[in-house]
PDB file of N, CA and C in Angstrom:
ATOM      1  N   MET A   1     105.179 114.381  60.299  1.00  0.00           N
ATOM      2  CA  MET A   1     105.886 113.548  61.311  1.00  0.00           C
ATOM      3  C   MET A   1     105.302 113.853  62.720  1.00  0.00           C
ATOM      4  N   LYS A   2     105.175 115.228  62.963  1.00  0.00           N
ATOM      5  CA  LYS A   2     104.771 115.634  64.257  1.00  0.00           C
ATOM      6  C   LYS A   2     103.359 115.123  64.543  1.00  0.00           C
ATOM      7  N   ALA A   3     102.404 115.188  63.797  1.00  0.00           N
ATOM      8  CA  ALA A   3     101.152 114.498  63.907  1.00  0.00           C
ATOM      9  C   ALA A   3     101.162 113.157  64.243  1.00  0.00           C
ATOM     10  N   PHE A   4     101.952 112.398  63.637  1.00  0.00           N
ATOM     11  CA  PHE A   4     102.136 110.952  63.929  1.00  0.00           C
ATOM     12  C   PHE A   4     102.577 110.667  65.267  1.00  0.00           C
ATOM     13  N   ILE A   5     103.657 111.471  65.773  1.00  0.00           N
ATOM     14  CA  ILE A   5     104.085 111.245  67.042  1.00  0.00           C
ATOM     15  C   ILE A   5     103.100 111.657  68.213  1.00  0.00           C
ATOM     16  N   ALA A   6     102.442 112.807  67.814  1.00  0.00           N
ATOM     17  CA  ALA A   6     101.304 113.141  68.767  1.00  0.00           C
ATOM     18  C   ALA A   6     100.298 112.206  68.875  1.00  0.00           C
ATOM     19  N   ALA A   7     100.022 111.592  67.672  1.00  0.00           N
ATOM     20  CA  ALA A   7      98.918 110.470  67.790  1.00  0.00           C
ATOM     21  C   ALA A   7      99.284 109.144  68.535  1.00  0.00           C
ATOM     22  N   VAL A   8     100.594 108.878  68.403  1.00  0.00           N
ATOM     23  CA  VAL A   8     101.140 107.717  69.192  1.00  0.00           C
ATOM     24  C   VAL A   8     101.382 108.106  70.686  1.00  0.00           C
ATOM     25  N   ILE A   9     101.500 109.191  70.956  1.00  0.00           N
ATOM     26  CA  ILE A   9     101.505 109.605  72.327  1.00  0.00           C
ATOM     27  C   ILE A   9     100.053 109.759  73.075  1.00  0.00           C
ATOM     28  N   CYS A  10      99.206 110.139  72.221  1.00  0.00           N
ATOM     29  CA  CYS A  10      97.809 110.173  72.810  1.00  0.00           C
ATOM     30  C   CYS A  10      97.303 108.800  72.802  1.00  0.00           C
ATOM     31  N   ALA A  11      97.467 107.868  71.860  1.00  0.00           N
ATOM     32  CA  ALA A  11      97.043 106.472  71.986  1.00  0.00           C
ATOM     33  C   ALA A  11      97.668 105.858  73.151  1.00  0.00           C
ATOM     34  N   ALA A  12      98.861 105.907  73.372  1.00  0.00           N
ATOM     35  CA  ALA A  12      99.557 105.479  74.567  1.00  0.00           C
ATOM     36  C   ALA A  12      98.958 105.919  75.960  1.00  0.00           C
ATOM     37  N   ALA A  13      98.613 107.226  75.952  1.00  0.00           N
ATOM     38  CA  ALA A  13      98.045 107.915  77.165  1.00  0.00           C
ATOM     39  C   ALA A  13      96.575 107.191  77.379  1.00  0.00           C
ATOM     40  N   ILE A  14      95.905 107.175  76.255  1.00  0.00           N
ATOM     41  CA  ILE A  14      94.532 106.606  76.264  1.00  0.00           C
ATOM     42  C   ILE A  14      94.680 105.245  76.870  1.00  0.00           C
ATOM     43  N   GLY A  15      95.479 104.299  76.428  1.00  0.00           N
ATOM     44  CA  GLY A  15      95.576 102.995  76.669  1.00  0.00           C
ATOM     45  C   GLY A  15      95.924 102.954  78.115  1.00  0.00           C
ATOM     46  N   VAL A  16      96.975 103.606  78.610  1.00  0.00           N
ATOM     47  CA  VAL A  16      97.353 103.543  80.028  1.00  0.00           C
ATOM     48  C   VAL A  16      96.129 104.011  80.978  1.00  0.00           C
ATOM     49  N   GLY A  17      95.549 105.078  80.552  1.00  0.00           N
ATOM     50  CA  GLY A  17      94.317 105.460  81.216  1.00  0.00           C
ATOM     51  C   GLY A  17      93.135 104.612  81.374  1.00  0.00           C
ATOM     52  N   ALA A  18      92.845 103.777  80.361  1.00  0.00           N
ATOM     53  CA  ALA A  18      91.893 102.886  80.410  1.00  0.00           C
ATOM     54  C   ALA A  18      92.261 101.711  81.127  1.00  0.00           C
ATOM     55  N   SER A  19      93.459 101.380  81.072  1.00  0.00           N
ATOM     56  CA  SER A  19      94.051 100.258  81.936  1.00  0.00           C
ATOM     57  C   SER A  19      93.784 100.571  83.403  1.00  0.00           C
ATOM     58  N   TYR A  20      94.179 101.690  83.776  1.00  0.00           N
ATOM     59  CA  TYR A  20      94.078 101.996  85.199  1.00  0.00           C
ATOM     60  C   TYR A  20      92.677 102.058  85.652  1.00  0.00           C
ATOM     61  N   VAL A  21      91.693 102.729  84.902  1.00  0.00           N
ATOM     62  CA  VAL A  21      90.233 102.755  85.143  1.00  0.00           C
ATOM     63  C   VAL A  21      89.682 101.287  85.286  1.00  0.00           C
ATOM     64  N   LEU A  22      90.080 100.330  84.385  1.00  0.00           N
ATOM     65  CA  LEU A  22      89.438  99.010  84.427  1.00  0.00           C
ATOM     66  C   LEU A  22      90.097  98.188  85.692  1.00  0.00           C
ATOM     67  N   HIS A  23      91.327  98.566  85.963  1.00  0.00           N
ATOM     68  CA  HIS A  23      91.973  97.848  87.023  1.00  0.00           C
ATOM     69  C   HIS A  23      91.395  98.166  88.300  1.00  0.00           C
ATOM     70  N   VAL A  24      90.968  99.441  88.539  1.00  0.00           N
ATOM     71  CA  VAL A  24      90.348 100.132  89.735  1.00  0.00           C
ATOM     72  C   VAL A  24      88.831  99.418  89.759  1.00  0.00           C
ATOM     73  N   GLN A  25      88.273  99.401  88.620  1.00  0.00           N
ATOM     74  CA  GLN A  25      86.783  98.929  88.627  1.00  0.00           C
ATOM     75  C   GLN A  25      86.699  97.509  88.930  1.00  0.00           C
ATOM     76  N   GLN A  26      87.723  96.648  88.510  1.00  0.00           N
ATOM     77  CA  GLN A  26      87.471  95.328  88.671  1.00  0.00           C
ATOM     78  C   GLN A  26      87.299  94.619  89.951  1.00  0.00           C
ATOM     79  N   GLU A  27      86.404  93.758  90.102  1.00  0.00           N
ATOM     80  CA  GLU A  27      86.030  93.019  91.350  1.00  0.00           C
ATOM     81  C   GLU A  27      86.226  91.550  91.324  1.00  0.00           C
ATOM     82  N   THR A  28      86.502  90.731  92.222  1.00  0.00           N
ATOM     83  CA  THR A  28      86.582  89.218  91.995  1.00  0.00           C
ATOM     84  C   THR A  28      85.302  88.897  92.168  1.00  0.00           C
ATOM     85  N   VAL A  29      85.042  87.689  91.684  1.00  0.00           N
ATOM     86  CA  VAL A  29      83.774  87.046  91.564  1.00  0.00           C
ATOM     87  C   VAL A  29      83.045  86.874  92.997  1.00  0.00           C
ATOM     88  N   ASP A  30      83.732  86.646  93.872  1.00  0.00           N
ATOM     89  CA  ASP A  30      83.179  86.431  95.161  1.00  0.00           C
ATOM     90  C   ASP A  30      82.443  87.617  95.855  1.00  0.00           C
ATOM     91  N   VAL A  31      83.201  88.837  95.395  1.00  0.00           N
ATOM     92  CA  VAL A  31      82.656  90.170  95.695  1.00  0.00           C
ATOM     93  C   VAL A  31      81.638  90.618  94.764  1.00  0.00           C
ATOM     94  N   ALA A  32      81.720  90.348  93.423  1.00  0.00           N
ATOM     95  CA  ALA A  32      80.729  90.864  92.539  1.00  0.00           C
ATOM     96  C   ALA A  32      79.493  90.302  92.516  1.00  0.00           C
ATOM     97  N   PHE A  33      79.472  88.879  92.753  1.00  0.00           N
ATOM     98  CA  PHE A  33      78.250  88.128  92.691  1.00  0.00           C
ATOM     99  C   PHE A  33      77.723  87.585  94.109  1.00  0.00           C
ATOM    100  N   SER A  34      77.998  88.245  95.164  1.00  0.00           N
ATOM    101  CA  SER A  34      77.553  87.789  96.391  1.00  0.00           C
ATOM    102  C   SER A  34      76.286  88.539  96.746  1.00  0.00           C
ATOM    103  N   THR A  35      75.259  87.734  96.942  1.00  0.00           N
ATOM    104  CA  THR A  35      74.067  88.228  97.598  1.00  0.00           C
ATOM    105  C   THR A  35      73.592  87.293  98.759  1.00  0.00           C
ATOM    106  N   SER A  36      72.404  87.531  99.347  1.00  0.00           N
ATOM    107  CA  SER A  36      72.133  86.906 100.625  1.00  0.00           C
ATOM    108  C   SER A  36      71.554  85.466 100.117  1.00  0.00           C
ATOM    109  N   GLU A  37      71.296  85.144  99.002  1.00  0.00           N
ATOM    110  CA  GLU A  37      70.919  83.838  98.498  1.00  0.00           C
ATOM    111  C   GLU A  37      71.858  82.956  97.921  1.00  0.00           C
ATOM    112  N   THR A  38      73.069  83.520  97.561  1.00  0.00           N
ATOM    113  CA  THR A  38      74.059  82.648  96.999  1.00  0.00           C
ATOM    114  C   THR A  38      75.424  82.840  97.840  1.00  0.00           C
ATOM    115  N   ARG A  39      76.137  81.843  97.707  1.00  0.00           N
ATOM    116  CA  ARG A  39      77.517  81.834  98.496  1.00  0.00           C
ATOM    117  C   ARG A  39      78.534  81.226  97.475  1.00  0.00           C
ATOM    118  N   VAL A  40      79.424  82.142  97.049  1.00  0.00           N
ATOM    119  CA  VAL A  40      80.456  81.725  96.259  1.00  0.00           C
ATOM    120  C   VAL A  40      81.641  81.517  97.098  1.00  0.00           C
ATOM    121  N   GLY A  41      82.296  80.513  97.116  1.00  0.00           N
ATOM    122  CA  GLY A  41      83.525  80.359  97.941  1.00  0.00           C
ATOM    123  C   GLY A  41      84.891  80.993  97.392  1.00  0.00           C
ATOM    124  N   ASP A  42      85.749  80.706  98.100  1.00  0.00           N
ATOM    125  CA  ASP A  42      87.025  81.178  97.473  1.00  0.00           C
ATOM    126  C   ASP A  42      87.441  80.729  96.089  1.00  0.00           C
ATOM    127  N   PRO A  43      87.561  81.715  95.070  1.00  0.00           N
ATOM    128  CA  PRO A  43      87.625  81.144  93.779  1.00  0.00           C
ATOM    129  C   PRO A  43      89.019  80.612  93.588  1.00  0.00           C
ATOM    130  N   GLY A  44      89.899  80.297  94.500  1.00  0.00           N
ATOM    131  CA  GLY A  44      91.184  79.681  94.350  1.00  0.00           C
ATOM    132  C   GLY A  44      91.082  78.187  94.319  1.00  0.00           C
ATOM    133  N   HIS A  45      89.933  77.634  94.905  1.00  0.00           N
ATOM    134  CA  HIS A  45      89.738  76.198  95.080  1.00  0.00           C
ATOM    135  C   HIS A  45      89.153  75.655  93.933  1.00  0.00           C
ATOM    136  N   ASN A  46      89.714  74.325  93.428  1.00  0.00           N
ATOM    137  CA  ASN A  46      89.162  73.649  92.446  1.00  0.00           C
ATOM    138  C   ASN A  46      87.880  72.866  92.783  1.00  0.00           C
ATOM    139  N   LEU A  47      86.893  73.070  92.078  1.00  0.00           N
ATOM    140  CA  LEU A  47      85.677  72.439  92.406  1.00  0.00           C
ATOM    141  C   LEU A  47      85.409  71.171  91.722  1.00  0.00           C
ATOM    142  N   VAL A  48      86.287  70.620  90.795  1.00  0.00           N
ATOM    143  CA  VAL A  48      86.147  69.488  90.066  1.00  0.00           C
ATOM    144  C   VAL A  48      87.337  68.470  90.668  1.00  0.00           C
ATOM    145  N   GLY A  49      87.052  67.197  90.718  1.00  0.00           N
ATOM    146  CA  GLY A  49      88.020  66.219  91.032  1.00  0.00           C
ATOM    147  C   GLY A  49      87.600  65.473  92.322  1.00  0.00           C
ATOM    148  N   MET A  50      88.361  64.579  92.559  1.00  0.00           N
ATOM    149  CA  MET A  50      88.260  63.667  93.770  1.00  0.00           C
ATOM    150  C   MET A  50      88.000  64.340  95.050  1.00  0.00           C
ATOM    151  N   ASN A  51      88.914  65.402  95.399  1.00  0.00           N
ATOM    152  CA  ASN A  51      88.763  65.988  96.506  1.00  0.00           C
ATOM    153  C   ASN A  51      87.828  67.401  96.414  1.00  0.00           C
TER     154      ASN A  51
END
């Protein structure tokens, strides 16, 4: 039983750590794919439709 509890605690710690690392590394698309030849606008605007 002690090994199972230790495994659950380790799995939770690894999950929380991976979540933190991925959150820190994540960038928005307008930052990640910006070069001098492309221009990506604010990703919050809808590019499809009448307006």
